[in-house]
Amino acid sequence: MFNRYSVTALVLLFVAAWGTADVQAQQRIGFTNQEAVLANMPGIEDVQEQLEQETVRLQGNLQEQQQEFQEQVQRYEQQQGLLSDERLQEREDELREMQAELQRSQQEAEQELAQREMELMQPLLEELQTAINEVASDQNLDLVLREQAMLYVNGSTSDVVNITRDVASRLDIEIEDTEAEPGPSLDTENPMGGGGGTN
Protein backbone atom coordinates (compact mmCIF):
# COMPACT_ATOMS: atom_id res chain seq x y z
CA MET A 1 0.00 0.00 0.00
CA PHE A 2 1.38 3.39 -1.01
CA ASN A 3 1.76 6.08 1.61
CA ARG A 4 1.92 9.80 0.82
CA TYR A 5 5.73 9.70 0.64
CA SER A 6 5.61 6.99 -2.02
CA VAL A 7 3.12 8.99 -4.08
CA THR A 8 5.31 12.10 -3.81
CA ALA A 9 8.38 10.12 -4.93
CA LEU A 10 6.49 8.78 -7.95
CA VAL A 11 5.34 12.26 -8.92
CA LEU A 12 8.90 13.61 -8.67
CA LEU A 13 10.20 10.69 -10.73
CA PHE A 14 7.59 11.32 -13.41
CA VAL A 15 8.42 15.04 -13.53
CA ALA A 16 12.15 14.25 -13.82
CA ALA A 17 11.54 11.80 -16.67
CA TRP A 18 9.31 14.29 -18.46
CA GLY A 19 11.94 16.99 -18.12
CA THR A 20 14.63 14.71 -19.57
CA ALA A 21 12.45 13.80 -22.53
CA ASP A 22 11.75 17.49 -23.12
CA VAL A 23 15.47 18.31 -23.15
CA GLN A 24 16.14 15.47 -25.60
CA ALA A 25 13.32 16.64 -27.84
CA GLN A 26 14.90 20.09 -28.04
CA GLN A 27 18.30 18.77 -29.09
CA ARG A 28 19.27 19.98 -32.56
CA ILE A 29 21.09 17.53 -34.81
CA GLY A 30 22.86 18.23 -38.07
CA PHE A 31 24.14 15.85 -40.70
CA THR A 32 26.49 16.29 -43.63
CA ASN A 33 27.73 14.33 -46.60
CA GLN A 34 31.47 14.68 -46.03
CA GLU A 35 32.35 12.60 -49.09
CA ALA A 36 30.41 14.93 -51.38
CA VAL A 37 32.18 17.96 -49.95
CA LEU A 38 35.63 16.35 -50.05
CA ALA A 39 35.15 15.30 -53.66
CA ASN A 40 34.75 18.97 -54.64
CA MET A 41 37.46 20.55 -52.51
CA PRO A 42 40.19 22.29 -54.56
CA GLY A 43 43.07 20.15 -53.32
CA ILE A 44 41.48 16.74 -53.85
CA GLU A 45 42.69 16.36 -57.45
CA ASP A 46 46.30 16.99 -56.42
CA VAL A 47 45.94 14.38 -53.68
CA GLN A 48 44.56 11.83 -56.14
CA GLU A 49 47.32 12.55 -58.66
CA GLN A 50 50.05 12.12 -56.05
CA LEU A 51 48.49 8.88 -54.82
CA GLU A 52 48.34 7.56 -58.38
CA GLN A 53 52.02 8.36 -58.89
CA GLU A 54 52.90 6.68 -55.61
CA THR A 55 50.84 3.62 -56.57
CA VAL A 56 52.64 3.35 -59.93
CA ARG A 57 56.02 3.58 -58.23
CA LEU A 58 55.22 0.91 -55.64
CA GLN A 59 53.66 -1.39 -58.24
CA GLY A 60 56.80 -1.05 -60.38
CA ASN A 61 58.99 -2.14 -57.49
CA LEU A 62 56.76 -5.10 -56.75
CA GLN A 63 56.66 -6.16 -60.39
CA GLU A 64 60.46 -6.20 -60.50
CA GLN A 65 60.57 -8.45 -57.44
CA GLN A 66 57.84 -10.67 -58.86
CA GLN A 67 59.68 -11.02 -62.15
CA GLU A 68 62.96 -11.89 -60.40
CA PHE A 69 61.16 -14.52 -58.31
CA GLN A 70 59.56 -16.10 -61.38
CA GLU A 71 62.90 -16.21 -63.18
CA GLN A 72 64.49 -17.98 -60.21
CA VAL A 73 61.63 -20.50 -60.12
CA GLN A 74 62.08 -21.25 -63.84
CA ARG A 75 65.84 -21.62 -63.40
CA TYR A 76 65.27 -24.03 -60.52
CA GLU A 77 62.85 -26.11 -62.59
CA GLN A 78 65.32 -26.27 -65.50
CA GLN A 79 68.24 -27.29 -63.28
CA GLN A 80 66.28 -29.57 -60.97
CA GLY A 81 67.52 -32.80 -62.57
CA LEU A 82 71.16 -31.67 -62.49
CA LEU A 83 71.41 -30.63 -58.84
CA SER A 84 72.31 -32.77 -55.86
CA ASP A 85 69.75 -33.32 -53.12
CA GLU A 86 71.65 -30.92 -50.88
CA ARG A 87 71.75 -28.21 -53.53
CA LEU A 88 68.08 -28.77 -54.33
CA GLN A 89 67.21 -28.18 -50.67
CA GLU A 90 69.28 -24.98 -50.65
CA ARG A 91 67.56 -23.68 -53.79
CA GLU A 92 64.10 -24.49 -52.39
CA ASP A 93 64.96 -22.64 -49.19
CA GLU A 94 66.15 -19.67 -51.25
CA LEU A 95 62.90 -19.63 -53.24
CA ARG A 96 60.80 -19.82 -50.09
CA GLU A 97 62.70 -16.88 -48.66
CA MET A 98 62.25 -14.89 -51.88
CA GLN A 99 58.52 -15.62 -51.80
CA ALA A 100 58.27 -14.52 -48.16
CA GLU A 101 60.21 -11.35 -48.97
CA LEU A 102 57.84 -10.61 -51.85
CA GLN A 103 54.84 -10.96 -49.53
CA ARG A 104 56.48 -8.66 -46.99
CA SER A 105 57.13 -6.11 -49.72
CA GLN A 106 53.47 -6.22 -50.79
CA GLN A 107 52.31 -5.63 -47.21
CA GLU A 108 54.79 -2.79 -46.72
CA ALA A 109 53.68 -1.19 -50.00
CA GLU A 110 50.04 -1.28 -48.89
CA GLN A 111 50.94 0.25 -45.53
CA GLU A 112 53.10 2.91 -47.15
CA LEU A 113 50.32 3.87 -49.58
CA ALA A 114 47.77 4.06 -46.76
CA GLN A 115 50.13 6.23 -44.70
CA ARG A 116 50.77 8.51 -47.66
CA GLU A 117 47.04 8.87 -48.29
CA MET A 118 46.49 9.82 -44.66
CA GLU A 119 49.26 12.43 -44.81
CA LEU A 120 47.94 13.97 -48.03
CA MET A 121 44.31 13.98 -46.87
CA GLN A 122 44.99 15.38 -43.39
CA PRO A 123 45.05 19.10 -44.40
CA LEU A 124 41.80 18.73 -46.35
CA LEU A 125 40.12 16.85 -43.51
CA GLU A 126 41.18 19.50 -41.01
CA GLU A 127 39.84 22.25 -43.29
CA LEU A 128 36.56 20.36 -43.66
CA GLN A 129 36.35 19.79 -39.90
CA THR A 130 36.82 23.49 -39.24
CA ALA A 131 34.00 24.35 -41.64
CA ILE A 132 31.69 21.79 -40.00
CA ASN A 133 32.49 23.17 -36.55
CA GLU A 134 31.78 26.74 -37.66
CA VAL A 135 28.45 25.86 -39.31
CA ALA A 136 27.41 23.77 -36.29
CA SER A 137 28.21 26.69 -34.00
CA ASP A 138 26.34 29.20 -36.18
CA GLN A 139 23.24 27.00 -36.27
CA ASN A 140 23.39 26.03 -32.57
CA LEU A 141 23.64 22.31 -33.31
CA ASP A 142 24.23 19.88 -30.45
CA LEU A 143 25.47 17.04 -32.63
CA VAL A 144 26.66 16.51 -36.20
CA LEU A 145 26.50 13.09 -37.88
CA ARG A 146 27.64 11.67 -41.17
CA GLU A 147 24.71 11.43 -43.59
CA GLN A 148 25.61 7.76 -44.08
CA ALA A 149 24.99 7.12 -40.35
CA MET A 150 21.34 8.12 -40.63
CA LEU A 151 18.68 5.47 -41.10
CA TYR A 152 15.58 7.64 -41.28
CA VAL A 153 14.64 11.28 -40.86
CA ASN A 154 11.12 12.68 -40.66
CA GLY A 155 10.80 15.42 -43.24
CA SER A 156 8.46 17.42 -40.98
CA THR A 157 10.95 17.87 -38.16
CA SER A 158 13.07 21.01 -37.86
CA ASP A 159 15.40 19.54 -35.24
CA VAL A 160 17.42 17.54 -37.79
CA VAL A 161 19.03 19.58 -40.55
CA ASN A 162 21.24 18.88 -43.54
CA ILE A 163 24.22 21.25 -43.33
CA THR A 164 26.10 19.86 -46.35
CA ARG A 165 25.45 22.90 -48.55
CA ASP A 166 26.29 25.28 -45.71
CA VAL A 167 29.59 23.50 -45.12
CA ALA A 168 30.39 23.61 -48.84
CA SER A 169 29.51 27.30 -48.95
CA ARG A 170 31.84 27.94 -46.02
CA LEU A 171 34.60 26.36 -48.12
CA ASP A 172 33.61 28.39 -51.21
CA ILE A 173 32.74 25.33 -53.28
CA GLU A 174 29.61 24.13 -55.06
CA ILE A 175 28.22 20.60 -54.88
CA GLU A 176 25.36 18.67 -56.41
CA ASP A 177 22.05 18.49 -54.56
CA THR A 178 22.58 16.26 -51.51
CA GLU A 179 19.28 16.85 -49.73
CA ALA A 180 18.27 13.74 -47.81
CA GLU A 181 15.01 13.02 -46.13
CA PRO A 182 15.35 14.33 -42.60
CA GLY A 183 14.25 11.92 -39.58
CA PRO A 184 13.95 11.16 -35.88
CA SER A 185 15.36 7.63 -36.03
CA LEU A 186 19.13 7.89 -36.27
CA ASP A 187 21.99 5.40 -36.24
CA THR A 188 24.00 6.79 -33.34
CA GLU A 189 26.30 3.79 -32.99
CA ASN A 190 29.06 5.74 -34.72
CA PRO A 191 28.14 9.43 -34.52
CA MET A 192 30.83 11.48 -36.17
CA GLY A 193 31.41 14.07 -33.54
CA GLY A 194 29.34 15.73 -30.91
CA GLY A 195 28.51 19.25 -29.92
CA GLY A 196 30.20 21.21 -32.66
CA GLY A 197 31.19 18.73 -35.36
CA THR A 198 32.66 15.47 -36.49
CA ASN A 199 36.05 13.84 -36.17
C-alpha atoms as a PDB file:
ATOM      1  CA  MET A   1       0.000   0.000   0.000  1.00  0.00           C
ATOM      2  CA  PHE A   2       1.375   3.394  -1.008  1.00  0.00           C
ATOM      3  CA  ASN A   3       1.759   6.078   1.612  1.00  0.00           C
ATOM      4  CA  ARG A   4       1.916   9.796   0.823  1.00  0.00           C
ATOM      5  CA  TYR A   5       5.731   9.701   0.640  1.00  0.00           C
ATOM      6  CA  SER A   6       5.612   6.985  -2.018  1.00  0.00           C
ATOM      7  CA  VAL A   7       3.119   8.993  -4.076  1.00  0.00           C
ATOM      8  CA  THR A   8       5.308  12.102  -3.807  1.00  0.00           C
ATOM      9  CA  ALA A   9       8.376  10.117  -4.935  1.00  0.00           C
ATOM     10  CA  LEU A  10       6.490   8.776  -7.948  1.00  0.00           C
ATOM     11  CA  VAL A  11       5.336  12.259  -8.919  1.00  0.00           C
ATOM     12  CA  LEU A  12       8.903  13.606  -8.672  1.00  0.00           C
ATOM     13  CA  LEU A  13      10.201  10.689 -10.727  1.00  0.00           C
ATOM     14  CA  PHE A  14       7.585  11.324 -13.407  1.00  0.00           C
ATOM     15  CA  VAL A  15       8.423  15.040 -13.533  1.00  0.00           C
ATOM     16  CA  ALA A  16      12.153  14.251 -13.823  1.00  0.00           C
ATOM     17  CA  ALA A  17      11.541  11.803 -16.668  1.00  0.00           C
ATOM     18  CA  TRP A  18       9.305  14.294 -18.456  1.00  0.00           C
ATOM     19  CA  GLY A  19      11.943  16.991 -18.120  1.00  0.00           C
ATOM     20  CA  THR A  20      14.633  14.708 -19.570  1.00  0.00           C
ATOM     21  CA  ALA A  21      12.451  13.802 -22.531  1.00  0.00           C
ATOM     22  CA  ASP A  22      11.751  17.489 -23.119  1.00  0.00           C
ATOM     23  CA  VAL A  23      15.465  18.312 -23.151  1.00  0.00           C
ATOM     24  CA  GLN A  24      16.137  15.466 -25.595  1.00  0.00           C
ATOM     25  CA  ALA A  25      13.322  16.641 -27.837  1.00  0.00           C
ATOM     26  CA  GLN A  26      14.903  20.092 -28.042  1.00  0.00           C
ATOM     27  CA  GLN A  27      18.300  18.772 -29.092  1.00  0.00           C
ATOM     28  CA  ARG A  28      19.269  19.977 -32.560  1.00  0.00           C
ATOM     29  CA  ILE A  29      21.086  17.533 -34.807  1.00  0.00           C
ATOM     30  CA  GLY A  30      22.857  18.232 -38.066  1.00  0.00           C
ATOM     31  CA  PHE A  31      24.143  15.853 -40.702  1.00  0.00           C
ATOM     32  CA  THR A  32      26.486  16.290 -43.626  1.00  0.00           C
ATOM     33  CA  ASN A  33      27.731  14.330 -46.602  1.00  0.00           C
ATOM     34  CA  GLN A  34      31.466  14.684 -46.026  1.00  0.00           C
ATOM     35  CA  GLU A  35      32.350  12.605 -49.089  1.00  0.00           C
ATOM     36  CA  ALA A  36      30.414  14.934 -51.384  1.00  0.00           C
ATOM     37  CA  VAL A  37      32.181  17.964 -49.946  1.00  0.00           C
ATOM     38  CA  LEU A  38      35.626  16.354 -50.047  1.00  0.00           C
ATOM     39  CA  ALA A  39      35.146  15.304 -53.662  1.00  0.00           C
ATOM     40  CA  ASN A  40      34.747  18.968 -54.637  1.00  0.00           C
ATOM     41  CA  MET A  41      37.463  20.547 -52.507  1.00  0.00           C
ATOM     42  CA  PRO A  42      40.186  22.287 -54.561  1.00  0.00           C
ATOM     43  CA  GLY A  43      43.068  20.149 -53.317  1.00  0.00           C
ATOM     44  CA  ILE A  44      41.483  16.736 -53.851  1.00  0.00           C
ATOM     45  CA  GLU A  45      42.687  16.362 -57.449  1.00  0.00           C
ATOM     46  CA  ASP A  46      46.298  16.989 -56.418  1.00  0.00           C
ATOM     47  CA  VAL A  47      45.943  14.376 -53.684  1.00  0.00           C
ATOM     48  CA  GLN A  48      44.559  11.833 -56.141  1.00  0.00           C
ATOM     49  CA  GLU A  49      47.319  12.554 -58.655  1.00  0.00           C
ATOM     50  CA  GLN A  50      50.052  12.119 -56.052  1.00  0.00           C
ATOM     51  CA  LEU A  51      48.491   8.884 -54.825  1.00  0.00           C
ATOM     52  CA  GLU A  52      48.336   7.555 -58.379  1.00  0.00           C
ATOM     53  CA  GLN A  53      52.017   8.363 -58.888  1.00  0.00           C
ATOM     54  CA  GLU A  54      52.901   6.679 -55.606  1.00  0.00           C
ATOM     55  CA  THR A  55      50.843   3.623 -56.567  1.00  0.00           C
ATOM     56  CA  VAL A  56      52.636   3.347 -59.930  1.00  0.00           C
ATOM     57  CA  ARG A  57      56.022   3.582 -58.229  1.00  0.00           C
ATOM     58  CA  LEU A  58      55.218   0.907 -55.638  1.00  0.00           C
ATOM     59  CA  GLN A  59      53.662  -1.386 -58.239  1.00  0.00           C
ATOM     60  CA  GLY A  60      56.795  -1.050 -60.378  1.00  0.00           C
ATOM     61  CA  ASN A  61      58.994  -2.137 -57.486  1.00  0.00           C
ATOM     62  CA  LEU A  62      56.760  -5.104 -56.747  1.00  0.00           C
ATOM     63  CA  GLN A  63      56.662  -6.162 -60.389  1.00  0.00           C
ATOM     64  CA  GLU A  64      60.461  -6.203 -60.499  1.00  0.00           C
ATOM     65  CA  GLN A  65      60.573  -8.452 -57.436  1.00  0.00           C
ATOM     66  CA  GLN A  66      57.840 -10.674 -58.860  1.00  0.00           C
ATOM     67  CA  GLN A  67      59.677 -11.016 -62.155  1.00  0.00           C
ATOM     68  CA  GLU A  68      62.960 -11.895 -60.395  1.00  0.00           C
ATOM     69  CA  PHE A  69      61.157 -14.523 -58.313  1.00  0.00           C
ATOM     70  CA  GLN A  70      59.556 -16.102 -61.381  1.00  0.00           C
ATOM     71  CA  GLU A  71      62.903 -16.212 -63.176  1.00  0.00           C
ATOM     72  CA  GLN A  72      64.485 -17.979 -60.209  1.00  0.00           C
ATOM     73  CA  VAL A  73      61.630 -20.500 -60.119  1.00  0.00           C
ATOM     74  CA  GLN A  74      62.078 -21.247 -63.839  1.00  0.00           C
ATOM     75  CA  ARG A  75      65.837 -21.624 -63.398  1.00  0.00           C
ATOM     76  CA  TYR A  76      65.266 -24.030 -60.517  1.00  0.00           C
ATOM     77  CA  GLU A  77      62.853 -26.113 -62.586  1.00  0.00           C
ATOM     78  CA  GLN A  78      65.315 -26.269 -65.504  1.00  0.00           C
ATOM     79  CA  GLN A  79      68.239 -27.293 -63.284  1.00  0.00           C
ATOM     80  CA  GLN A  80      66.278 -29.572 -60.970  1.00  0.00           C
ATOM     81  CA  GLY A  81      67.519 -32.798 -62.572  1.00  0.00           C
ATOM     82  CA  LEU A  82      71.155 -31.669 -62.489  1.00  0.00           C
ATOM     83  CA  LEU A  83      71.411 -30.633 -58.839  1.00  0.00           C
ATOM     84  CA  SER A  84      72.306 -32.769 -55.858  1.00  0.00           C
ATOM     85  CA  ASP A  85      69.750 -33.315 -53.118  1.00  0.00           C
ATOM     86  CA  GLU A  86      71.653 -30.922 -50.879  1.00  0.00           C
ATOM     87  CA  ARG A  87      71.747 -28.211 -53.534  1.00  0.00           C
ATOM     88  CA  LEU A  88      68.077 -28.766 -54.332  1.00  0.00           C
ATOM     89  CA  GLN A  89      67.211 -28.179 -50.672  1.00  0.00           C
ATOM     90  CA  GLU A  90      69.277 -24.984 -50.652  1.00  0.00           C
ATOM     91  CA  ARG A  91      67.564 -23.679 -53.791  1.00  0.00           C
ATOM     92  CA  GLU A  92      64.104 -24.486 -52.392  1.00  0.00           C
ATOM     93  CA  ASP A  93      64.962 -22.637 -49.195  1.00  0.00           C
ATOM     94  CA  GLU A  94      66.146 -19.665 -51.252  1.00  0.00           C
ATOM     95  CA  LEU A  95      62.899 -19.633 -53.242  1.00  0.00           C
ATOM     96  CA  ARG A  96      60.799 -19.823 -50.094  1.00  0.00           C
ATOM     97  CA  GLU A  97      62.702 -16.878 -48.656  1.00  0.00           C
ATOM     98  CA  MET A  98      62.245 -14.890 -51.881  1.00  0.00           C
ATOM     99  CA  GLN A  99      58.516 -15.624 -51.801  1.00  0.00           C
ATOM    100  CA  ALA A 100      58.268 -14.521 -48.156  1.00  0.00           C
ATOM    101  CA  GLU A 101      60.205 -11.350 -48.974  1.00  0.00           C
ATOM    102  CA  LEU A 102      57.838 -10.610 -51.853  1.00  0.00           C
ATOM    103  CA  GLN A 103      54.837 -10.964 -49.530  1.00  0.00           C
ATOM    104  CA  ARG A 104      56.477  -8.662 -46.988  1.00  0.00           C
ATOM    105  CA  SER A 105      57.129  -6.106 -49.722  1.00  0.00           C
ATOM    106  CA  GLN A 106      53.475  -6.224 -50.787  1.00  0.00           C
ATOM    107  CA  GLN A 107      52.310  -5.630 -47.210  1.00  0.00           C
ATOM    108  CA  GLU A 108      54.791  -2.793 -46.722  1.00  0.00           C
ATOM    109  CA  ALA A 109      53.684  -1.193 -49.997  1.00  0.00           C
ATOM    110  CA  GLU A 110      50.036  -1.276 -48.886  1.00  0.00           C
ATOM    111  CA  GLN A 111      50.941   0.252 -45.526  1.00  0.00           C
ATOM    112  CA  GLU A 112      53.099   2.914 -47.155  1.00  0.00           C
ATOM    113  CA  LEU A 113      50.325   3.868 -49.577  1.00  0.00           C
ATOM    114  CA  ALA A 114      47.771   4.064 -46.756  1.00  0.00           C
ATOM    115  CA  GLN A 115      50.135   6.227 -44.702  1.00  0.00           C
ATOM    116  CA  ARG A 116      50.774   8.509 -47.663  1.00  0.00           C
ATOM    117  CA  GLU A 117      47.045   8.874 -48.288  1.00  0.00           C
ATOM    118  CA  MET A 118      46.487   9.824 -44.658  1.00  0.00           C
ATOM    119  CA  GLU A 119      49.263  12.433 -44.809  1.00  0.00           C
ATOM    120  CA  LEU A 120      47.940  13.971 -48.028  1.00  0.00           C
ATOM    121  CA  MET A 121      44.312  13.979 -46.868  1.00  0.00           C
ATOM    122  CA  GLN A 122      44.986  15.381 -43.385  1.00  0.00           C
ATOM    123  CA  PRO A 123      45.051  19.097 -44.397  1.00  0.00           C
ATOM    124  CA  LEU A 124      41.798  18.731 -46.345  1.00  0.00           C
ATOM    125  CA  LEU A 125      40.121  16.848 -43.509  1.00  0.00           C
ATOM    126  CA  GLU A 126      41.178  19.499 -41.012  1.00  0.00           C
ATOM    127  CA  GLU A 127      39.838  22.253 -43.288  1.00  0.00           C
ATOM    128  CA  LEU A 128      36.558  20.360 -43.662  1.00  0.00           C
ATOM    129  CA  GLN A 129      36.348  19.795 -39.898  1.00  0.00           C
ATOM    130  CA  THR A 130      36.816  23.493 -39.235  1.00  0.00           C
ATOM    131  CA  ALA A 131      33.996  24.355 -41.645  1.00  0.00           C
ATOM    132  CA  ILE A 132      31.692  21.794 -39.998  1.00  0.00           C
ATOM    133  CA  ASN A 133      32.488  23.173 -36.552  1.00  0.00           C
ATOM    134  CA  GLU A 134      31.776  26.739 -37.661  1.00  0.00           C
ATOM    135  CA  VAL A 135      28.451  25.861 -39.312  1.00  0.00           C
ATOM    136  CA  ALA A 136      27.410  23.775 -36.290  1.00  0.00           C
ATOM    137  CA  SER A 137      28.211  26.692 -33.996  1.00  0.00           C
ATOM    138  CA  ASP A 138      26.341  29.203 -36.178  1.00  0.00           C
ATOM    139  CA  GLN A 139      23.238  26.999 -36.268  1.00  0.00           C
ATOM    140  CA  ASN A 140      23.386  26.030 -32.572  1.00  0.00           C
ATOM    141  CA  LEU A 141      23.637  22.311 -33.306  1.00  0.00           C
ATOM    142  CA  ASP A 142      24.226  19.875 -30.451  1.00  0.00           C
ATOM    143  CA  LEU A 143      25.469  17.038 -32.631  1.00  0.00           C
ATOM    144  CA  VAL A 144      26.663  16.509 -36.199  1.00  0.00           C
ATOM    145  CA  LEU A 145      26.503  13.088 -37.879  1.00  0.00           C
ATOM    146  CA  ARG A 146      27.636  11.668 -41.174  1.00  0.00           C
ATOM    147  CA  GLU A 147      24.714  11.432 -43.591  1.00  0.00           C
ATOM    148  CA  GLN A 148      25.606   7.756 -44.080  1.00  0.00           C
ATOM    149  CA  ALA A 149      24.994   7.115 -40.352  1.00  0.00           C
ATOM    150  CA  MET A 150      21.339   8.116 -40.631  1.00  0.00           C
ATOM    151  CA  LEU A 151      18.679   5.467 -41.098  1.00  0.00           C
ATOM    152  CA  TYR A 152      15.582   7.642 -41.281  1.00  0.00           C
ATOM    153  CA  VAL A 153      14.636  11.278 -40.860  1.00  0.00           C
ATOM    154  CA  ASN A 154      11.118  12.676 -40.664  1.00  0.00           C
ATOM    155  CA  GLY A 155      10.803  15.422 -43.239  1.00  0.00           C
ATOM    156  CA  SER A 156       8.455  17.418 -40.983  1.00  0.00           C
ATOM    157  CA  THR A 157      10.952  17.875 -38.164  1.00  0.00           C
ATOM    158  CA  SER A 158      13.072  21.008 -37.858  1.00  0.00           C
ATOM    159  CA  ASP A 159      15.403  19.543 -35.237  1.00  0.00           C
ATOM    160  CA  VAL A 160      17.418  17.537 -37.789  1.00  0.00           C
ATOM    161  CA  VAL A 161      19.031  19.581 -40.548  1.00  0.00           C
ATOM    162  CA  ASN A 162      21.243  18.883 -43.542  1.00  0.00           C
ATOM    163  CA  ILE A 163      24.219  21.248 -43.333  1.00  0.00           C
ATOM    164  CA  THR A 164      26.099  19.863 -46.354  1.00  0.00           C
ATOM    165  CA  ARG A 165      25.454  22.898 -48.550  1.00  0.00           C
ATOM    166  CA  ASP A 166      26.289  25.279 -45.712  1.00  0.00           C
ATOM    167  CA  VAL A 167      29.592  23.504 -45.117  1.00  0.00           C
ATOM    168  CA  ALA A 168      30.385  23.609 -48.840  1.00  0.00           C
ATOM    169  CA  SER A 169      29.513  27.299 -48.951  1.00  0.00           C
ATOM    170  CA  ARG A 170      31.840  27.939 -46.020  1.00  0.00           C
ATOM    171  CA  LEU A 171      34.604  26.361 -48.115  1.00  0.00           C
ATOM    172  CA  ASP A 172      33.606  28.386 -51.211  1.00  0.00           C
ATOM    173  CA  ILE A 173      32.735  25.333 -53.284  1.00  0.00           C
ATOM    174  CA  GLU A 174      29.607  24.131 -55.062  1.00  0.00           C
ATOM    175  CA  ILE A 175      28.225  20.604 -54.880  1.00  0.00           C
ATOM    176  CA  GLU A 176      25.364  18.673 -56.410  1.00  0.00           C
ATOM    177  CA  ASP A 177      22.048  18.488 -54.558  1.00  0.00           C
ATOM    178  CA  THR A 178      22.579  16.258 -51.510  1.00  0.00           C
ATOM    179  CA  GLU A 179      19.282  16.848 -49.728  1.00  0.00           C
ATOM    180  CA  ALA A 180      18.274  13.738 -47.810  1.00  0.00           C
ATOM    181  CA  GLU A 181      15.013  13.024 -46.134  1.00  0.00           C
ATOM    182  CA  PRO A 182      15.355  14.335 -42.605  1.00  0.00           C
ATOM    183  CA  GLY A 183      14.249  11.924 -39.584  1.00  0.00           C
ATOM    184  CA  PRO A 184      13.949  11.159 -35.882  1.00  0.00           C
ATOM    185  CA  SER A 185      15.359   7.630 -36.029  1.00  0.00           C
ATOM    186  CA  LEU A 186      19.126   7.894 -36.268  1.00  0.00           C
ATOM    187  CA  ASP A 187      21.989   5.403 -36.245  1.00  0.00           C
ATOM    188  CA  THR A 188      24.000   6.790 -33.344  1.00  0.00           C
ATOM    189  CA  GLU A 189      26.302   3.791 -32.989  1.00  0.00           C
ATOM    190  CA  ASN A 190      29.063   5.737 -34.717  1.00  0.00           C
ATOM    191  CA  PRO A 191      28.144   9.430 -34.524  1.00  0.00           C
ATOM    192  CA  MET A 192      30.826  11.479 -36.171  1.00  0.00           C
ATOM    193  CA  GLY A 193      31.411  14.068 -33.543  1.00  0.00           C
ATOM    194  CA  GLY A 194      29.336  15.734 -30.911  1.00  0.00           C
ATOM    195  CA  GLY A 195      28.515  19.252 -29.924  1.00  0.00           C
ATOM    196  CA  GLY A 196      30.199  21.206 -32.665  1.00  0.00           C
ATOM    197  CA  GLY A 197      31.192  18.733 -35.359  1.00  0.00           C
ATOM    198  CA  THR A 198      32.656  15.470 -36.488  1.00  0.00           C
ATOM    199  CA  ASN A 199      36.048  13.845 -36.166  1.00  0.00           C
END
